[in-house]
Amino acid sequence: MSDSTDRFHSYVPREGHGLPHDPFNAIIGPRPIGWISSRSPDGVLNLAPYSFFTAFNYVPPLIGFSSLGRKDTMRNIEATGEFVWNLATRPLAEAMNQSCAVVPPEVDEFQLAKLTPLASQVVAPPRVAQSPVSMECKCTQILPLLGLDGTPSPSHLVLGEVVAVHIDRSLLKDGIYDTAAGQPILRGGGPGDYFFIEAAQRFRMFRPE
């Protein structure tokens, strides 16, 4: 076996990675996409994807995403305390990508991406009608992210409790949600890499008793 110095490309993040593209978000991946709809206090709709997104807790159900900078989504959530997560699927990939265009706050990304807003049941921001799964959320915390030395980064972690869930019945097989059937797309590394899940990729393991 070769010496570890030869085997591994090692670097200190603060000093740069020395590669054509930062590998960090490629290693931590592929990641589910936080496709977040929100609404400004003036009623302007916003829809944006966030690649740093995941679930954090079962009871209460908490999901969250990291916003690099105080973007429209975060400002809307700060002002209203509400948002909706929508499942980004393979058929909706192009629309999802269109919704991440850098546009002024008064631009409605639903219209930009040719998507239909669907009224939520509990919160004011609408769901994406074309998405087969949506989770209505109320914000619980917005946390500034800090470095090891306590210096604030330009990012904030936005956490919300899920207060309503909507699942297309076609994705429920004998009452169990079929992840692969939902065709979720996941963010990979590089400037434009995405992945999606297929049933053939599934394997099963059960916890030891």
C-alpha atoms as a PDB file:
ATOM      1  CA  MET A   1       0.000   0.000   0.000  1.00  0.00           C
ATOM      2  CA  SER A   2       1.319   3.430  -0.868  1.00  0.00           C
ATOM      3  CA  ASP A   3       2.144   5.963   1.796  1.00  0.00           C
ATOM      4  CA  SER A   4      -0.885   7.973   2.933  1.00  0.00           C
ATOM      5  CA  THR A   5       0.821  11.135   1.720  1.00  0.00           C
ATOM      6  CA  ASP A   6       0.607   9.787  -1.835  1.00  0.00           C
ATOM      7  CA  ARG A   7      -2.784   8.137  -1.467  1.00  0.00           C
ATOM      8  CA  PHE A   8      -4.776  11.118  -0.179  1.00  0.00           C
ATOM      9  CA  HIS A   9      -5.249  14.642  -1.430  1.00  0.00           C
ATOM     10  CA  SER A  10      -5.267  16.504   1.876  1.00  0.00           C
ATOM     11  CA  TYR A  11      -5.878  20.171   2.512  1.00  0.00           C
ATOM     12  CA  VAL A  12      -6.844  22.703   5.168  1.00  0.00           C
ATOM     13  CA  PRO A  13     -10.112  24.383   4.089  1.00  0.00           C
ATOM     14  CA  ARG A  14      -9.015  27.815   5.308  1.00  0.00           C
ATOM     15  CA  GLU A  15      -6.007  27.586   3.008  1.00  0.00           C
ATOM     16  CA  GLY A  16      -7.931  26.415  -0.069  1.00  0.00           C
ATOM     17  CA  HIS A  17      -8.579  23.022  -1.601  1.00  0.00           C
ATOM     18  CA  GLY A  18      -6.250  23.294  -4.594  1.00  0.00           C
ATOM     19  CA  LEU A  19      -8.733  21.620  -6.942  1.00  0.00           C
ATOM     20  CA  PRO A  20     -10.725  22.905  -9.946  1.00  0.00           C
ATOM     21  CA  HIS A  21     -13.962  22.824  -7.880  1.00  0.00           C
ATOM     22  CA  ASP A  22     -14.565  22.705  -4.131  1.00  0.00           C
ATOM     23  CA  PRO A  23     -15.133  18.996  -3.289  1.00  0.00           C
ATOM     24  CA  PHE A  24     -16.920  19.640   0.027  1.00  0.00           C
ATOM     25  CA  ASN A  25     -20.489  19.633  -1.261  1.00  0.00           C
ATOM     26  CA  ALA A  26     -19.717  16.724  -3.606  1.00  0.00           C
ATOM     27  CA  ILE A  27     -18.493  14.571  -0.712  1.00  0.00           C
ATOM     28  CA  ILE A  28     -21.517  15.437   1.441  1.00  0.00           C
ATOM     29  CA  GLY A  29     -23.927  14.214  -1.143  1.00  0.00           C
ATOM     30  CA  PRO A  30     -25.934  13.727  -3.056  1.00  0.00           C
ATOM     31  CA  ARG A  31     -28.179  15.928  -0.941  1.00  0.00           C
ATOM     32  CA  PRO A  32     -31.958  16.422  -0.978  1.00  0.00           C
ATOM     33  CA  ILE A  33     -33.043  19.796  -2.267  1.00  0.00           C
ATOM     34  CA  GLY A  34     -34.882  22.321  -0.149  1.00  0.00           C
ATOM     35  CA  TRP A  35     -37.322  23.746  -2.711  1.00  0.00           C
ATOM     36  CA  ILE A  36     -38.803  26.445  -0.526  1.00  0.00           C
ATOM     37  CA  SER A  37     -41.855  28.559  -1.268  1.00  0.00           C
ATOM     38  CA  SER A  38     -42.489  31.658   0.799  1.00  0.00           C
ATOM     39  CA  ARG A  39     -44.550  34.813   0.695  1.00  0.00           C
ATOM     40  CA  SER A  40     -43.579  38.390   1.493  1.00  0.00           C
ATOM     41  CA  PRO A  41     -45.686  40.524   3.850  1.00  0.00           C
ATOM     42  CA  ASP A  42     -46.911  42.306   0.703  1.00  0.00           C
ATOM     43  CA  GLY A  43     -48.086  39.037  -0.838  1.00  0.00           C
ATOM     44  CA  VAL A  44     -45.288  38.538  -3.398  1.00  0.00           C
ATOM     45  CA  LEU A  45     -44.577  34.834  -3.885  1.00  0.00           C
ATOM     46  CA  ASN A  46     -41.061  33.423  -3.871  1.00  0.00           C
ATOM     47  CA  LEU A  47     -39.775  29.972  -4.795  1.00  0.00           C
ATOM     48  CA  ALA A  48     -36.122  28.970  -4.492  1.00  0.00           C
ATOM     49  CA  PRO A  49     -34.037  25.772  -4.194  1.00  0.00           C
ATOM     50  CA  TYR A  50     -31.463  25.268  -1.445  1.00  0.00           C
ATOM     51  CA  SER A  51     -28.911  22.461  -1.701  1.00  0.00           C
ATOM     52  CA  PHE A  52     -27.969  22.531   1.983  1.00  0.00           C
ATOM     53  CA  PHE A  53     -31.197  21.034   3.308  1.00  0.00           C
ATOM     54  CA  THR A  54     -32.273  18.084   5.437  1.00  0.00           C
ATOM     55  CA  ALA A  55     -34.586  16.774   8.138  1.00  0.00           C
ATOM     56  CA  PHE A  56     -33.426  17.218  11.727  1.00  0.00           C
ATOM     57  CA  ASN A  57     -35.974  15.618  14.022  1.00  0.00           C
ATOM     58  CA  TYR A  58     -38.958  13.244  14.218  1.00  0.00           C
ATOM     59  CA  VAL A  59     -41.034  14.647  17.103  1.00  0.00           C
ATOM     60  CA  PRO A  60     -41.692  17.407  16.495  1.00  0.00           C
ATOM     61  CA  PRO A  61     -40.857  17.014  12.801  1.00  0.00           C
ATOM     62  CA  LEU A  62     -38.213  19.630  12.005  1.00  0.00           C
ATOM     63  CA  ILE A  63     -36.617  20.431   8.660  1.00  0.00           C
ATOM     64  CA  GLY A  64     -34.122  23.122   7.809  1.00  0.00           C
ATOM     65  CA  PHE A  65     -31.939  24.727   5.189  1.00  0.00           C
ATOM     66  CA  SER A  66     -28.932  27.013   5.103  1.00  0.00           C
ATOM     67  CA  SER A  67     -29.232  30.355   3.348  1.00  0.00           C
ATOM     68  CA  LEU A  68     -26.017  31.928   2.102  1.00  0.00           C
ATOM     69  CA  GLY A  69     -26.784  35.606   2.618  1.00  0.00           C
ATOM     70  CA  ARG A  70     -30.105  37.213   3.473  1.00  0.00           C
ATOM     71  CA  LYS A  71     -31.990  36.190   0.354  1.00  0.00           C
ATOM     72  CA  ASP A  72     -35.672  36.819  -0.389  1.00  0.00           C
ATOM     73  CA  THR A  73     -36.677  33.456   1.081  1.00  0.00           C
ATOM     74  CA  MET A  74     -35.023  34.128   4.403  1.00  0.00           C
ATOM     75  CA  ARG A  75     -36.346  37.679   4.610  1.00  0.00           C
ATOM     76  CA  ASN A  76     -39.865  36.437   3.918  1.00  0.00           C
ATOM     77  CA  ILE A  77     -39.590  33.767   6.608  1.00  0.00           C
ATOM     78  CA  GLU A  78     -38.192  36.268   9.092  1.00  0.00           C
ATOM     79  CA  ALA A  79     -41.148  38.545   8.420  1.00  0.00           C
ATOM     80  CA  THR A  80     -43.938  35.951   8.298  1.00  0.00           C
ATOM     81  CA  GLY A  81     -42.606  32.894  10.129  1.00  0.00           C
ATOM     82  CA  GLU A  82     -43.899  30.519   7.445  1.00  0.00           C
ATOM     83  CA  PHE A  83     -42.662  28.507   4.463  1.00  0.00           C
ATOM     84  CA  VAL A  84     -43.379  25.343   2.468  1.00  0.00           C
ATOM     85  CA  TRP A  85     -40.962  22.646   1.365  1.00  0.00           C
ATOM     86  CA  ASN A  86     -41.808  21.066  -2.009  1.00  0.00           C
ATOM     87  CA  LEU A  87     -40.306  17.851  -3.378  1.00  0.00           C
ATOM     88  CA  ALA A  88     -38.147  18.562  -6.434  1.00  0.00           C
ATOM     89  CA  THR A  89     -38.565  15.624  -8.808  1.00  0.00           C
ATOM     90  CA  ARG A  90     -36.948  14.527 -12.076  1.00  0.00           C
ATOM     91  CA  PRO A  91     -39.900  15.788 -14.168  1.00  0.00           C
ATOM     92  CA  LEU A  92     -39.664  19.146 -12.357  1.00  0.00           C
ATOM     93  CA  ALA A  93     -35.882  19.498 -12.591  1.00  0.00           C
ATOM     94  CA  GLU A  94     -35.885  22.196 -15.265  1.00  0.00           C
ATOM     95  CA  ALA A  95     -38.533  24.219 -13.429  1.00  0.00           C
ATOM     96  CA  MET A  96     -36.582  23.879 -10.191  1.00  0.00           C
ATOM     97  CA  ASN A  97     -33.455  25.095 -11.948  1.00  0.00           C
ATOM     98  CA  GLN A  98     -35.337  28.037 -13.448  1.00  0.00           C
ATOM     99  CA  SER A  99     -36.549  29.050  -9.991  1.00  0.00           C
ATOM    100  CA  CYS A 100     -32.975  29.644  -8.818  1.00  0.00           C
ATOM    101  CA  ALA A 101     -32.447  32.489 -11.301  1.00  0.00           C
ATOM    102  CA  VAL A 102     -31.158  35.695  -9.721  1.00  0.00           C
ATOM    103  CA  VAL A 103     -34.080  38.087 -10.089  1.00  0.00           C
ATOM    104  CA  PRO A 104     -35.410  41.123  -8.167  1.00  0.00           C
ATOM    105  CA  PRO A 105     -37.605  40.497  -5.089  1.00  0.00           C
ATOM    106  CA  GLU A 106     -40.757  41.588  -6.916  1.00  0.00           C
ATOM    107  CA  VAL A 107     -40.417  38.743  -9.451  1.00  0.00           C
ATOM    108  CA  ASP A 108     -42.661  35.745  -8.762  1.00  0.00           C
ATOM    109  CA  GLU A 109     -40.636  32.570  -9.415  1.00  0.00           C
ATOM    110  CA  PHE A 110     -43.837  30.537  -9.764  1.00  0.00           C
ATOM    111  CA  GLN A 111     -44.585  32.524 -12.904  1.00  0.00           C
ATOM    112  CA  LEU A 112     -40.947  32.506 -13.984  1.00  0.00           C
ATOM    113  CA  ALA A 113     -40.800  28.703 -13.828  1.00  0.00           C
ATOM    114  CA  LYS A 114     -44.346  28.260 -15.172  1.00  0.00           C
ATOM    115  CA  LEU A 115     -45.530  26.546 -11.998  1.00  0.00           C
ATOM    116  CA  THR A 116     -48.933  26.670 -10.339  1.00  0.00           C
ATOM    117  CA  PRO A 117     -49.316  27.884  -6.740  1.00  0.00           C
ATOM    118  CA  LEU A 118     -51.683  25.704  -4.715  1.00  0.00           C
ATOM    119  CA  ALA A 119     -53.210  27.077  -1.527  1.00  0.00           C
ATOM    120  CA  SER A 120     -51.794  25.596   1.661  1.00  0.00           C
ATOM    121  CA  GLN A 121     -54.045  24.497   4.509  1.00  0.00           C
ATOM    122  CA  VAL A 122     -52.226  25.987   7.506  1.00  0.00           C
ATOM    123  CA  VAL A 123     -49.721  28.572   6.272  1.00  0.00           C
ATOM    124  CA  ALA A 124     -50.018  31.482   3.850  1.00  0.00           C
ATOM    125  CA  PRO A 125     -47.273  30.529   1.345  1.00  0.00           C
ATOM    126  CA  PRO A 126     -48.618  28.236  -1.370  1.00  0.00           C
ATOM    127  CA  ARG A 127     -47.408  24.801  -2.346  1.00  0.00           C
ATOM    128  CA  VAL A 128     -46.138  23.897  -5.816  1.00  0.00           C
ATOM    129  CA  ALA A 129     -49.171  22.202  -7.360  1.00  0.00           C
ATOM    130  CA  GLN A 130     -47.025  20.081  -9.677  1.00  0.00           C
ATOM    131  CA  SER A 131     -44.952  18.684  -6.797  1.00  0.00           C
ATOM    132  CA  PRO A 132     -46.178  15.316  -5.441  1.00  0.00           C
ATOM    133  CA  VAL A 133     -45.117  16.077  -1.854  1.00  0.00           C
ATOM    134  CA  SER A 134     -45.201  19.277   0.170  1.00  0.00           C
ATOM    135  CA  MET A 135     -44.660  20.116   3.821  1.00  0.00           C
ATOM    136  CA  GLU A 136     -46.115  23.267   5.335  1.00  0.00           C
ATOM    137  CA  CYS A 137     -43.831  24.709   7.999  1.00  0.00           C
ATOM    138  CA  LYS A 138     -43.716  27.339  10.699  1.00  0.00           C
ATOM    139  CA  CYS A 139     -40.284  28.732  11.494  1.00  0.00           C
ATOM    140  CA  THR A 140     -38.882  27.767  14.893  1.00  0.00           C
ATOM    141  CA  GLN A 141     -35.362  29.187  14.724  1.00  0.00           C
ATOM    142  CA  ILE A 142     -33.034  31.200  12.505  1.00  0.00           C
ATOM    143  CA  LEU A 143     -29.468  30.633  13.647  1.00  0.00           C
ATOM    144  CA  PRO A 144     -26.363  32.469  12.415  1.00  0.00           C
ATOM    145  CA  LEU A 145     -23.675  29.946  11.527  1.00  0.00           C
ATOM    146  CA  LEU A 146     -20.345  30.538  13.261  1.00  0.00           C
ATOM    147  CA  GLY A 147     -16.803  29.463  12.536  1.00  0.00           C
ATOM    148  CA  LEU A 148     -14.557  27.728  15.041  1.00  0.00           C
ATOM    149  CA  ASP A 149     -13.274  31.092  16.276  1.00  0.00           C
ATOM    150  CA  GLY A 150     -16.805  32.420  16.760  1.00  0.00           C
ATOM    151  CA  THR A 151     -16.728  34.608  13.661  1.00  0.00           C
ATOM    152  CA  PRO A 152     -20.147  34.733  11.968  1.00  0.00           C
ATOM    153  CA  SER A 153     -20.325  33.276   8.480  1.00  0.00           C
ATOM    154  CA  PRO A 154     -22.580  34.895   5.852  1.00  0.00           C
ATOM    155  CA  SER A 155     -25.033  31.981   6.239  1.00  0.00           C
ATOM    156  CA  HIS A 156     -28.008  31.267   8.504  1.00  0.00           C
ATOM    157  CA  LEU A 157     -29.699  27.980   9.360  1.00  0.00           C
ATOM    158  CA  VAL A 158     -33.471  28.261   9.017  1.00  0.00           C
ATOM    159  CA  LEU A 159     -35.440  25.620  10.945  1.00  0.00           C
ATOM    160  CA  GLY A 160     -39.159  24.969  10.781  1.00  0.00           C
ATOM    161  CA  GLU A 161     -41.673  22.614  12.326  1.00  0.00           C
ATOM    162  CA  VAL A 162     -43.786  20.712   9.822  1.00  0.00           C
ATOM    163  CA  VAL A 163     -47.429  21.511  10.539  1.00  0.00           C
ATOM    164  CA  ALA A 164     -49.051  19.838   7.508  1.00  0.00           C
ATOM    165  CA  VAL A 165     -47.936  17.220   4.984  1.00  0.00           C
ATOM    166  CA  HIS A 166     -49.391  16.530   1.522  1.00  0.00           C
ATOM    167  CA  ILE A 167     -48.506  13.322  -0.364  1.00  0.00           C
ATOM    168  CA  ASP A 168     -49.792  12.285  -3.778  1.00  0.00           C
ATOM    169  CA  ARG A 169     -51.664   9.027  -3.119  1.00  0.00           C
ATOM    170  CA  SER A 170     -49.868   7.358  -6.050  1.00  0.00           C
ATOM    171  CA  LEU A 171     -46.689   7.373  -3.952  1.00  0.00           C
ATOM    172  CA  LEU A 172     -48.260   5.352  -1.144  1.00  0.00           C
ATOM    173  CA  LYS A 173     -47.813   1.602  -1.695  1.00  0.00           C
ATOM    174  CA  ASP A 174     -49.841  -0.363   0.861  1.00  0.00           C
ATOM    175  CA  GLY A 175     -49.699   2.731   3.029  1.00  0.00           C
ATOM    176  CA  ILE A 176     -45.902   3.051   2.842  1.00  0.00           C
ATOM    177  CA  TYR A 177     -44.304   6.000   1.085  1.00  0.00           C
ATOM    178  CA  ASP A 178     -42.333   4.839  -1.973  1.00  0.00           C
ATOM    179  CA  THR A 179     -39.229   7.034  -2.113  1.00  0.00           C
ATOM    180  CA  ALA A 180     -38.126   5.904  -5.569  1.00  0.00           C
ATOM    181  CA  ALA A 181     -41.570   6.438  -7.079  1.00  0.00           C
ATOM    182  CA  GLY A 182     -41.351  10.100  -6.081  1.00  0.00           C
ATOM    183  CA  GLN A 183     -38.302  10.495  -8.377  1.00  0.00           C
ATOM    184  CA  PRO A 184     -36.538  12.946  -6.067  1.00  0.00           C
ATOM    185  CA  ILE A 185     -33.548  14.751  -7.526  1.00  0.00           C
ATOM    186  CA  LEU A 186     -30.499  15.238  -5.373  1.00  0.00           C
ATOM    187  CA  ARG A 187     -27.700  17.781  -5.625  1.00  0.00           C
ATOM    188  CA  GLY A 188     -24.263  16.362  -6.283  1.00  0.00           C
ATOM    189  CA  GLY A 189     -20.909  18.054  -6.676  1.00  0.00           C
ATOM    190  CA  GLY A 190     -19.432  20.117  -9.443  1.00  0.00           C
ATOM    191  CA  PRO A 191     -21.136  23.140 -10.932  1.00  0.00           C
ATOM    192  CA  GLY A 192     -24.135  21.237 -12.289  1.00  0.00           C
ATOM    193  CA  ASP A 193     -24.313  17.622 -11.106  1.00  0.00           C
ATOM    194  CA  TYR A 194     -27.626  16.132  -9.952  1.00  0.00           C
ATOM    195  CA  PHE A 195     -28.754  12.579  -9.269  1.00  0.00           C
ATOM    196  CA  PHE A 196     -32.079  10.836  -8.963  1.00  0.00           C
ATOM    197  CA  ILE A 197     -33.239   7.671  -7.228  1.00  0.00           C
ATOM    198  CA  GLU A 198     -34.521   4.568  -8.984  1.00  0.00           C
ATOM    199  CA  ALA A 199     -36.046   1.418  -7.484  1.00  0.00           C
ATOM    200  CA  ALA A 200     -33.154  -0.670  -8.869  1.00  0.00           C
ATOM    201  CA  GLN A 201     -30.762   1.161  -6.541  1.00  0.00           C
ATOM    202  CA  ARG A 202     -32.638   0.140  -3.404  1.00  0.00           C
ATOM    203  CA  PHE A 203     -31.250  -2.295  -0.869  1.00  0.00           C
ATOM    204  CA  ARG A 204     -32.587  -3.155   2.561  1.00  0.00           C
ATOM    205  CA  MET A 205     -30.992  -3.501   5.979  1.00  0.00           C
ATOM    206  CA  PHE A 206     -32.739  -3.839   9.303  1.00  0.00           C
ATOM    207  CA  ARG A 207     -31.399  -2.748  12.670  1.00  0.00           C
ATOM    208  CA  PRO A 208     -29.957  -5.465  14.898  1.00  0.00           C
ATOM    209  CA  GLU A 209     -32.343  -6.595  17.598  1.00  0.00           C
END
